[in-house]
Amino acid sequence: MLLDVRTYKTLPGRVPAQLELYKKFGYPVQLRYMGEPLCYAVAETGELNTYTHVWVYESAADREQKRAKMAQDPDWKVFLAENAKAGNIIEQKNCLMVPTAFSPPIPMPKIVK
């Protein structure tokens, strides 16, 4: 199992606008290819103006295959264009992680069609 932990930093006060844009244009496309994320969370303390989402994959190959298919989807290209136009995001960090042997079971995501 592979966890793709993605953290984004926005311009101050722009997290709500970014999440609304993503909810409208990006999330529906990602659901078709990756299934539901393990979590989607907004920072309450610490580094503000950030949000994190975690995606679950069987392996690095599974992640690569699903993301490659999604990248070809015209709806994903619309999201990328709208995202660039909005200019909310100023930083992105990705970290690929594997659960420890004593981690509670993490379910594989269900694909939403």
N, C-alpha and C. Protein backbone atom coordinates (compact mmCIF):
# COMPACT_ATOMS: atom_id res chain seq x y z
N MET A 1 0.85 -1.18 0.00
CA MET A 1 0.00 0.00 0.00
C MET A 1 0.89 1.24 0.00
N LEU A 2 0.43 2.27 -0.70
CA LEU A 2 1.16 3.52 -0.81
C LEU A 2 0.21 4.67 -0.51
N LEU A 3 0.64 5.59 0.35
CA LEU A 3 -0.14 6.79 0.67
C LEU A 3 0.52 7.98 0.00
N ASP A 4 -0.26 8.73 -0.74
CA ASP A 4 0.21 9.94 -1.40
C ASP A 4 -0.33 11.11 -0.59
N VAL A 5 0.54 11.73 0.21
CA VAL A 5 0.15 12.83 1.09
C VAL A 5 0.53 14.13 0.40
N ARG A 6 -0.48 14.94 0.11
CA ARG A 6 -0.28 16.17 -0.64
C ARG A 6 -0.71 17.37 0.19
N THR A 7 0.19 18.31 0.38
CA THR A 7 -0.12 19.52 1.15
C THR A 7 0.08 20.74 0.25
N TYR A 8 -0.91 21.59 0.24
CA TYR A 8 -0.89 22.80 -0.58
C TYR A 8 -0.97 24.02 0.31
N LYS A 9 -0.22 25.05 -0.04
CA LYS A 9 -0.28 26.34 0.65
C LYS A 9 -0.85 27.35 -0.32
N THR A 10 -1.81 28.13 0.16
CA THR A 10 -2.43 29.16 -0.68
C THR A 10 -2.03 30.55 -0.20
N LEU A 11 -2.33 31.51 -1.01
CA LEU A 11 -2.21 32.90 -0.57
C LEU A 11 -3.09 33.07 0.66
N PRO A 12 -2.76 34.00 1.57
CA PRO A 12 -3.57 34.18 2.78
C PRO A 12 -5.05 34.37 2.46
N GLY A 13 -5.86 33.63 3.17
CA GLY A 13 -7.31 33.75 3.03
C GLY A 13 -7.91 33.09 1.80
N ARG A 14 -7.11 32.41 1.00
CA ARG A 14 -7.62 31.86 -0.26
C ARG A 14 -7.97 30.37 -0.21
N VAL A 15 -7.80 29.73 0.94
CA VAL A 15 -8.14 28.31 1.03
C VAL A 15 -9.60 28.07 0.65
N PRO A 16 -10.58 28.82 1.18
CA PRO A 16 -11.97 28.55 0.80
C PRO A 16 -12.21 28.65 -0.72
N ALA A 17 -11.64 29.66 -1.35
CA ALA A 17 -11.81 29.82 -2.80
C ALA A 17 -11.17 28.65 -3.56
N GLN A 18 -9.99 28.22 -3.11
CA GLN A 18 -9.32 27.11 -3.77
C GLN A 18 -10.10 25.82 -3.61
N LEU A 19 -10.61 25.58 -2.42
CA LEU A 19 -11.38 24.35 -2.19
C LEU A 19 -12.67 24.36 -3.01
N GLU A 20 -13.28 25.51 -3.16
CA GLU A 20 -14.50 25.61 -3.97
C GLU A 20 -14.19 25.32 -5.44
N LEU A 21 -13.10 25.88 -5.93
CA LEU A 21 -12.68 25.63 -7.31
C LEU A 21 -12.39 24.14 -7.51
N TYR A 22 -11.66 23.55 -6.57
CA TYR A 22 -11.32 22.13 -6.66
C TYR A 22 -12.57 21.26 -6.58
N LYS A 23 -13.47 21.59 -5.68
CA LYS A 23 -14.71 20.83 -5.52
C LYS A 23 -15.52 20.82 -6.82
N LYS A 24 -15.52 21.94 -7.51
CA LYS A 24 -16.30 22.06 -8.75
C LYS A 24 -15.61 21.38 -9.94
N PHE A 25 -14.30 21.59 -10.09
CA PHE A 25 -13.61 21.13 -11.30
C PHE A 25 -12.69 19.92 -11.12
N GLY A 26 -12.03 19.81 -9.99
CA GLY A 26 -11.02 18.77 -9.83
C GLY A 26 -11.49 17.50 -9.16
N TYR A 27 -12.21 17.65 -8.06
CA TYR A 27 -12.61 16.50 -7.25
C TYR A 27 -13.41 15.46 -8.04
N PRO A 28 -14.40 15.85 -8.83
CA PRO A 28 -15.16 14.84 -9.58
C PRO A 28 -14.27 14.01 -10.51
N VAL A 29 -13.26 14.63 -11.09
CA VAL A 29 -12.36 13.90 -11.99
C VAL A 29 -11.50 12.94 -11.18
N GLN A 30 -10.96 13.40 -10.09
CA GLN A 30 -10.12 12.52 -9.28
C GLN A 30 -10.90 11.33 -8.75
N LEU A 31 -12.15 11.53 -8.38
CA LEU A 31 -12.96 10.41 -7.90
C LEU A 31 -13.08 9.31 -8.96
N ARG A 32 -13.15 9.70 -10.21
CA ARG A 32 -13.30 8.70 -11.30
C ARG A 32 -12.06 7.84 -11.44
N TYR A 33 -10.89 8.36 -11.13
CA TYR A 33 -9.65 7.63 -11.37
C TYR A 33 -9.00 7.08 -10.09
N MET A 34 -9.05 7.84 -9.01
CA MET A 34 -8.39 7.42 -7.78
C MET A 34 -9.34 6.92 -6.71
N GLY A 35 -10.63 7.16 -6.88
CA GLY A 35 -11.57 6.84 -5.82
C GLY A 35 -11.53 7.91 -4.75
N GLU A 36 -12.21 7.64 -3.65
CA GLU A 36 -12.29 8.62 -2.58
C GLU A 36 -10.95 8.74 -1.84
N PRO A 37 -10.58 9.94 -1.44
CA PRO A 37 -9.34 10.09 -0.67
C PRO A 37 -9.53 9.54 0.75
N LEU A 38 -8.41 9.21 1.38
CA LEU A 38 -8.46 8.78 2.78
C LEU A 38 -8.93 9.95 3.65
N CYS A 39 -8.43 11.14 3.34
CA CYS A 39 -8.89 12.33 4.06
C CYS A 39 -8.59 13.58 3.25
N TYR A 40 -9.29 14.63 3.60
CA TYR A 40 -9.10 15.97 3.05
C TYR A 40 -9.24 16.90 4.23
N ALA A 41 -8.20 17.64 4.59
CA ALA A 41 -8.23 18.43 5.82
C ALA A 41 -7.61 19.80 5.63
N VAL A 42 -8.10 20.76 6.42
CA VAL A 42 -7.62 22.14 6.40
C VAL A 42 -6.92 22.42 7.73
N ALA A 43 -5.80 23.13 7.68
CA ALA A 43 -5.05 23.46 8.90
C ALA A 43 -5.84 24.39 9.79
N GLU A 44 -5.95 24.02 11.05
CA GLU A 44 -6.57 24.87 12.07
C GLU A 44 -5.51 25.61 12.87
N THR A 45 -4.33 24.98 13.02
CA THR A 45 -3.22 25.59 13.73
C THR A 45 -1.95 25.29 12.95
N GLY A 46 -0.84 25.84 13.39
CA GLY A 46 0.43 25.59 12.71
C GLY A 46 0.51 26.43 11.45
N GLU A 47 0.90 25.79 10.36
CA GLU A 47 1.04 26.51 9.09
C GLU A 47 -0.34 26.74 8.48
N LEU A 48 -0.85 27.93 8.68
CA LEU A 48 -2.18 28.28 8.18
C LEU A 48 -2.17 28.44 6.67
N ASN A 49 -3.34 28.59 6.12
CA ASN A 49 -3.51 28.72 4.67
C ASN A 49 -3.03 27.47 3.95
N THR A 50 -3.15 26.31 4.61
CA THR A 50 -2.77 25.04 3.99
C THR A 50 -3.90 24.04 4.11
N TYR A 51 -3.89 23.09 3.20
CA TYR A 51 -4.79 21.95 3.27
C TYR A 51 -4.04 20.73 2.77
N THR A 52 -4.45 19.59 3.26
CA THR A 52 -3.78 18.34 2.94
C THR A 52 -4.81 17.30 2.52
N HIS A 53 -4.45 16.51 1.53
CA HIS A 53 -5.29 15.36 1.19
C HIS A 53 -4.40 14.15 1.02
N VAL A 54 -4.97 12.98 1.32
CA VAL A 54 -4.23 11.72 1.30
C VAL A 54 -4.97 10.74 0.41
N TRP A 55 -4.24 10.20 -0.57
CA TRP A 55 -4.79 9.22 -1.51
C TRP A 55 -4.13 7.88 -1.26
N VAL A 56 -4.90 6.82 -1.42
CA VAL A 56 -4.42 5.46 -1.15
C VAL A 56 -4.29 4.71 -2.47
N TYR A 57 -3.14 4.08 -2.66
CA TYR A 57 -2.88 3.28 -3.86
C TYR A 57 -2.36 1.91 -3.44
N GLU A 58 -2.52 0.95 -4.31
CA GLU A 58 -1.98 -0.38 -4.06
C GLU A 58 -0.45 -0.35 -4.09
N SER A 59 0.10 0.47 -4.99
CA SER A 59 1.54 0.50 -5.20
C SER A 59 1.91 1.75 -5.98
N ALA A 60 3.22 1.95 -6.17
CA ALA A 60 3.67 3.08 -6.99
C ALA A 60 3.19 2.92 -8.43
N ALA A 61 3.16 1.68 -8.92
CA ALA A 61 2.69 1.42 -10.28
C ALA A 61 1.21 1.75 -10.41
N ASP A 62 0.42 1.41 -9.41
CA ASP A 62 -1.01 1.73 -9.40
C ASP A 62 -1.21 3.24 -9.44
N ARG A 63 -0.44 3.95 -8.62
CA ARG A 63 -0.52 5.42 -8.59
C ARG A 63 -0.17 6.01 -9.96
N GLU A 64 0.92 5.54 -10.52
CA GLU A 64 1.37 6.06 -11.81
C GLU A 64 0.32 5.82 -12.89
N GLN A 65 -0.24 4.63 -12.92
CA GLN A 65 -1.24 4.28 -13.94
C GLN A 65 -2.50 5.15 -13.79
N LYS A 66 -3.00 5.27 -12.58
CA LYS A 66 -4.22 6.06 -12.36
C LYS A 66 -4.01 7.53 -12.67
N ARG A 67 -2.88 8.08 -12.25
CA ARG A 67 -2.62 9.49 -12.50
C ARG A 67 -2.39 9.76 -13.99
N ALA A 68 -1.80 8.82 -14.69
CA ALA A 68 -1.59 8.98 -16.14
C ALA A 68 -2.92 9.00 -16.88
N LYS A 69 -3.83 8.13 -16.49
CA LYS A 69 -5.17 8.12 -17.12
C LYS A 69 -5.90 9.42 -16.84
N MET A 70 -5.82 9.87 -15.59
CA MET A 70 -6.50 11.11 -15.22
C MET A 70 -5.94 12.29 -16.00
N ALA A 71 -4.64 12.32 -16.19
CA ALA A 71 -4.00 13.44 -16.89
C ALA A 71 -4.50 13.57 -18.32
N GLN A 72 -4.99 12.50 -18.90
CA GLN A 72 -5.50 12.53 -20.27
C GLN A 72 -6.96 12.98 -20.36
N ASP A 73 -7.63 13.04 -19.24
CA ASP A 73 -9.06 13.39 -19.22
C ASP A 73 -9.22 14.88 -19.51
N PRO A 74 -10.05 15.24 -20.49
CA PRO A 74 -10.26 16.66 -20.80
C PRO A 74 -10.78 17.47 -19.61
N ASP A 75 -11.58 16.84 -18.74
CA ASP A 75 -12.09 17.54 -17.57
C ASP A 75 -10.97 17.90 -16.60
N TRP A 76 -9.94 17.06 -16.52
CA TRP A 76 -8.79 17.37 -15.65
C TRP A 76 -8.02 18.56 -16.22
N LYS A 77 -7.94 18.63 -17.53
CA LYS A 77 -7.25 19.76 -18.16
C LYS A 77 -8.01 21.06 -17.92
N VAL A 78 -9.34 20.98 -17.85
CA VAL A 78 -10.13 22.16 -17.50
C VAL A 78 -9.80 22.60 -16.08
N PHE A 79 -9.75 21.64 -15.15
CA PHE A 79 -9.39 21.98 -13.77
C PHE A 79 -8.01 22.65 -13.71
N LEU A 80 -7.03 22.07 -14.39
CA LEU A 80 -5.68 22.64 -14.36
C LEU A 80 -5.67 24.08 -14.88
N ALA A 81 -6.43 24.33 -15.93
CA ALA A 81 -6.50 25.69 -16.50
C ALA A 81 -7.17 26.66 -15.52
N GLU A 82 -8.29 26.23 -14.93
CA GLU A 82 -8.98 27.08 -13.96
C GLU A 82 -8.11 27.33 -12.73
N ASN A 83 -7.41 26.29 -12.30
CA ASN A 83 -6.52 26.39 -11.15
C ASN A 83 -5.40 27.40 -11.41
N ALA A 84 -4.79 27.32 -12.58
CA ALA A 84 -3.73 28.25 -12.94
C ALA A 84 -4.27 29.69 -13.02
N LYS A 85 -5.44 29.82 -13.61
CA LYS A 85 -6.05 31.15 -13.76
C LYS A 85 -6.34 31.78 -12.38
N ALA A 86 -6.79 30.98 -11.43
CA ALA A 86 -7.13 31.50 -10.11
C ALA A 86 -5.90 31.96 -9.34
N GLY A 87 -4.79 31.25 -9.49
CA GLY A 87 -3.55 31.64 -8.84
C GLY A 87 -3.57 31.58 -7.32
N ASN A 88 -4.38 30.71 -6.75
CA ASN A 88 -4.48 30.61 -5.29
C ASN A 88 -3.29 29.89 -4.65
N ILE A 89 -2.78 28.88 -5.32
CA ILE A 89 -1.75 28.02 -4.72
C ILE A 89 -0.36 28.62 -4.92
N ILE A 90 0.41 28.64 -3.83
CA ILE A 90 1.77 29.16 -3.93
C ILE A 90 2.82 28.09 -3.64
N GLU A 91 2.39 26.94 -3.10
CA GLU A 91 3.36 25.88 -2.80
C GLU A 91 2.64 24.54 -2.73
N GLN A 92 3.33 23.50 -3.17
CA GLN A 92 2.80 22.14 -3.10
C GLN A 92 3.90 21.21 -2.60
N LYS A 93 3.55 20.33 -1.68
CA LYS A 93 4.47 19.31 -1.18
C LYS A 93 3.80 17.95 -1.30
N ASN A 94 4.52 17.00 -1.84
CA ASN A 94 4.02 15.62 -1.95
C ASN A 94 4.97 14.72 -1.19
N CYS A 95 4.41 13.76 -0.49
CA CYS A 95 5.20 12.79 0.23
C CYS A 95 4.54 11.43 0.05
N LEU A 96 5.28 10.46 -0.49
CA LEU A 96 4.77 9.10 -0.64
C LEU A 96 5.20 8.32 0.60
N MET A 97 4.23 7.68 1.25
CA MET A 97 4.49 6.99 2.50
C MET A 97 3.88 5.59 2.47
N VAL A 98 4.42 4.71 3.31
CA VAL A 98 3.85 3.38 3.48
C VAL A 98 3.47 3.20 4.94
N PRO A 99 2.34 2.54 5.21
CA PRO A 99 1.93 2.31 6.59
C PRO A 99 2.91 1.41 7.34
N THR A 100 3.01 1.61 8.62
CA THR A 100 3.84 0.73 9.45
C THR A 100 3.12 -0.60 9.66
N ALA A 101 3.85 -1.58 10.18
CA ALA A 101 3.27 -2.90 10.42
C ALA A 101 2.13 -2.85 11.44
N PHE A 102 2.16 -1.89 12.35
CA PHE A 102 1.12 -1.80 13.39
C PHE A 102 0.06 -0.73 13.10
N SER A 103 0.07 -0.19 11.90
CA SER A 103 -0.93 0.80 11.50
C SER A 103 -2.31 0.14 11.46
N PRO A 104 -3.33 0.86 11.88
CA PRO A 104 -4.68 0.31 11.70
C PRO A 104 -4.91 0.06 10.21
N PRO A 105 -5.76 -0.88 9.88
CA PRO A 105 -6.02 -1.16 8.46
C PRO A 105 -6.52 0.09 7.72
N ILE A 106 -5.97 0.29 6.55
CA ILE A 106 -6.40 1.42 5.71
C ILE A 106 -7.14 0.83 4.51
N PRO A 107 -8.40 1.20 4.33
CA PRO A 107 -9.16 0.61 3.23
C PRO A 107 -8.73 1.17 1.87
N MET A 108 -8.82 0.34 0.87
CA MET A 108 -8.61 0.81 -0.50
C MET A 108 -9.82 1.66 -0.87
N PRO A 109 -9.60 2.72 -1.64
CA PRO A 109 -10.72 3.62 -1.99
C PRO A 109 -11.68 2.96 -2.95
N LYS A 110 -12.94 3.37 -2.82
CA LYS A 110 -13.93 2.92 -3.80
C LYS A 110 -13.97 3.95 -4.91
N ILE A 111 -14.01 3.45 -6.14
CA ILE A 111 -14.03 4.33 -7.30
C ILE A 111 -15.45 4.84 -7.48
N VAL A 112 -15.59 6.14 -7.71
CA VAL A 112 -16.89 6.78 -7.88
C VAL A 112 -17.06 7.08 -9.36
N LYS A 113 -18.05 6.51 -9.97
CA LYS A 113 -18.29 6.72 -11.41
C LYS A 113 -19.28 7.82 -11.63
